[in-house]
Amino acid sequence: MKRFWAGLGAFLILASSGFPYAAERFRVASGGFGTAIHAALWAANDQRIFQKHGLDVEYIAIDSGTLSMQMLLANELQALFTTGALAVTANLQGGDLAIFAGGMNFFPFKFITRPDIKTAEDLKGKTVAISRFGSASDYAVQAALEKLGVNPKQVVVIQLGGNPSRLAALTGGSAQASVFSEPFATVAVKKFGMRPLVDLAELGLAFPQNCFMVKRGYLEANRTKIVNLMKAVIEGLYMLKRDKGLALKLIKKYTRVDEEDAAIGYEYYLAQHGEGILILPDKKGLEFVIAEVAKNNPKAKGQTTETLKLLEPSILEEIKRSGFVGKVKQ
């Protein structure tokens, strides 16, 4: 697979003041925040649910999961919601991250091409856009190409950033294919006449699309903060399920889409799949990532979710035992 860098600066939204950061603040980020599954965090921040649970949170929305992971490893963040694939690669390098909650355990992408790409054969030699190497969109493209029977070495993969940038490249002709999450997948097809070739959600592949993660050292020293963080996110989720108007307002604010597209995101990510936040990622999905990484990184060979210490179930277990979920769900 030929891979080229297209230099795009990461896009950050600071949801509270204080950049550069004060050392005492509890910094939580969304990495690759362009889908409505992040709305539970947006609600917790905008509706001051974090403060309700005793947290002085500085929330940051970052357009790049890779950059946000670098910030977590550098202790510039204390907790992160992004693809679990990055936790795998981080722990292979000694990152010692713990995934303590989930989000989505499959690829919520559609592989979409320009109208002139009608068959898998037409993809050969063409340019395929992803966000960044090692991102969820990168793995999704690999899975789509495998489904289509296309050797990844027969396409050119470029890094272009989030859904909006990739859609602009597709409609402008600088890329011939990409993967899109909702509502951008619907926009690409209905508004721009692009062609959907593969719905990855229908393939039944487990993948750690979104996970909450923390450094184990920080978790051991600040367990109460992490428990309260997750309580605030869960409360935010159920607030949005009860108040669709608030949800649409937040989705439009953070993803910069219109009301119709925000509604698509709401139905897919919150109404249908929002409670994935209460489930740890499937081990099969993490093992898929480990196997893919092992193709190019010898350190990954023979590794498992256990040897990499990827999962920490005790946070969700404690919250569920307490009866908290039932209280905020009403």
Foldseek 3Di string as FASTA:
>chain_A
DAEDEDDDDKDKDWLDDDPVHDLPAAEEEEALPQFLLCQLVVLLSVVVLLVVLVHRYTYMYIQHPVVVVVCQLVVVHFKYKFFCLVVLVCLLVVSQKAFAFAADFFQQKFKWFAPVCDALVSQFAFEEEDADPSHSQNVVVVVVNVVRVHDPVRYYYYHQTHLVRRLCCRLVVVGGIGMDHAPSVVCSCPVRPIGTDDRRVVVPATARGITMMGRPVSCVVPVSSVLSSLLSSLLSLLVCVVPVVVSLVSSCVPNVDDSVRSVRSCCPRRVPGNCSRLHGHDQRNNVVSLVVVCVPDVSSPPDGCVNSVHYDHVSSVVCVVVCSNVVSND
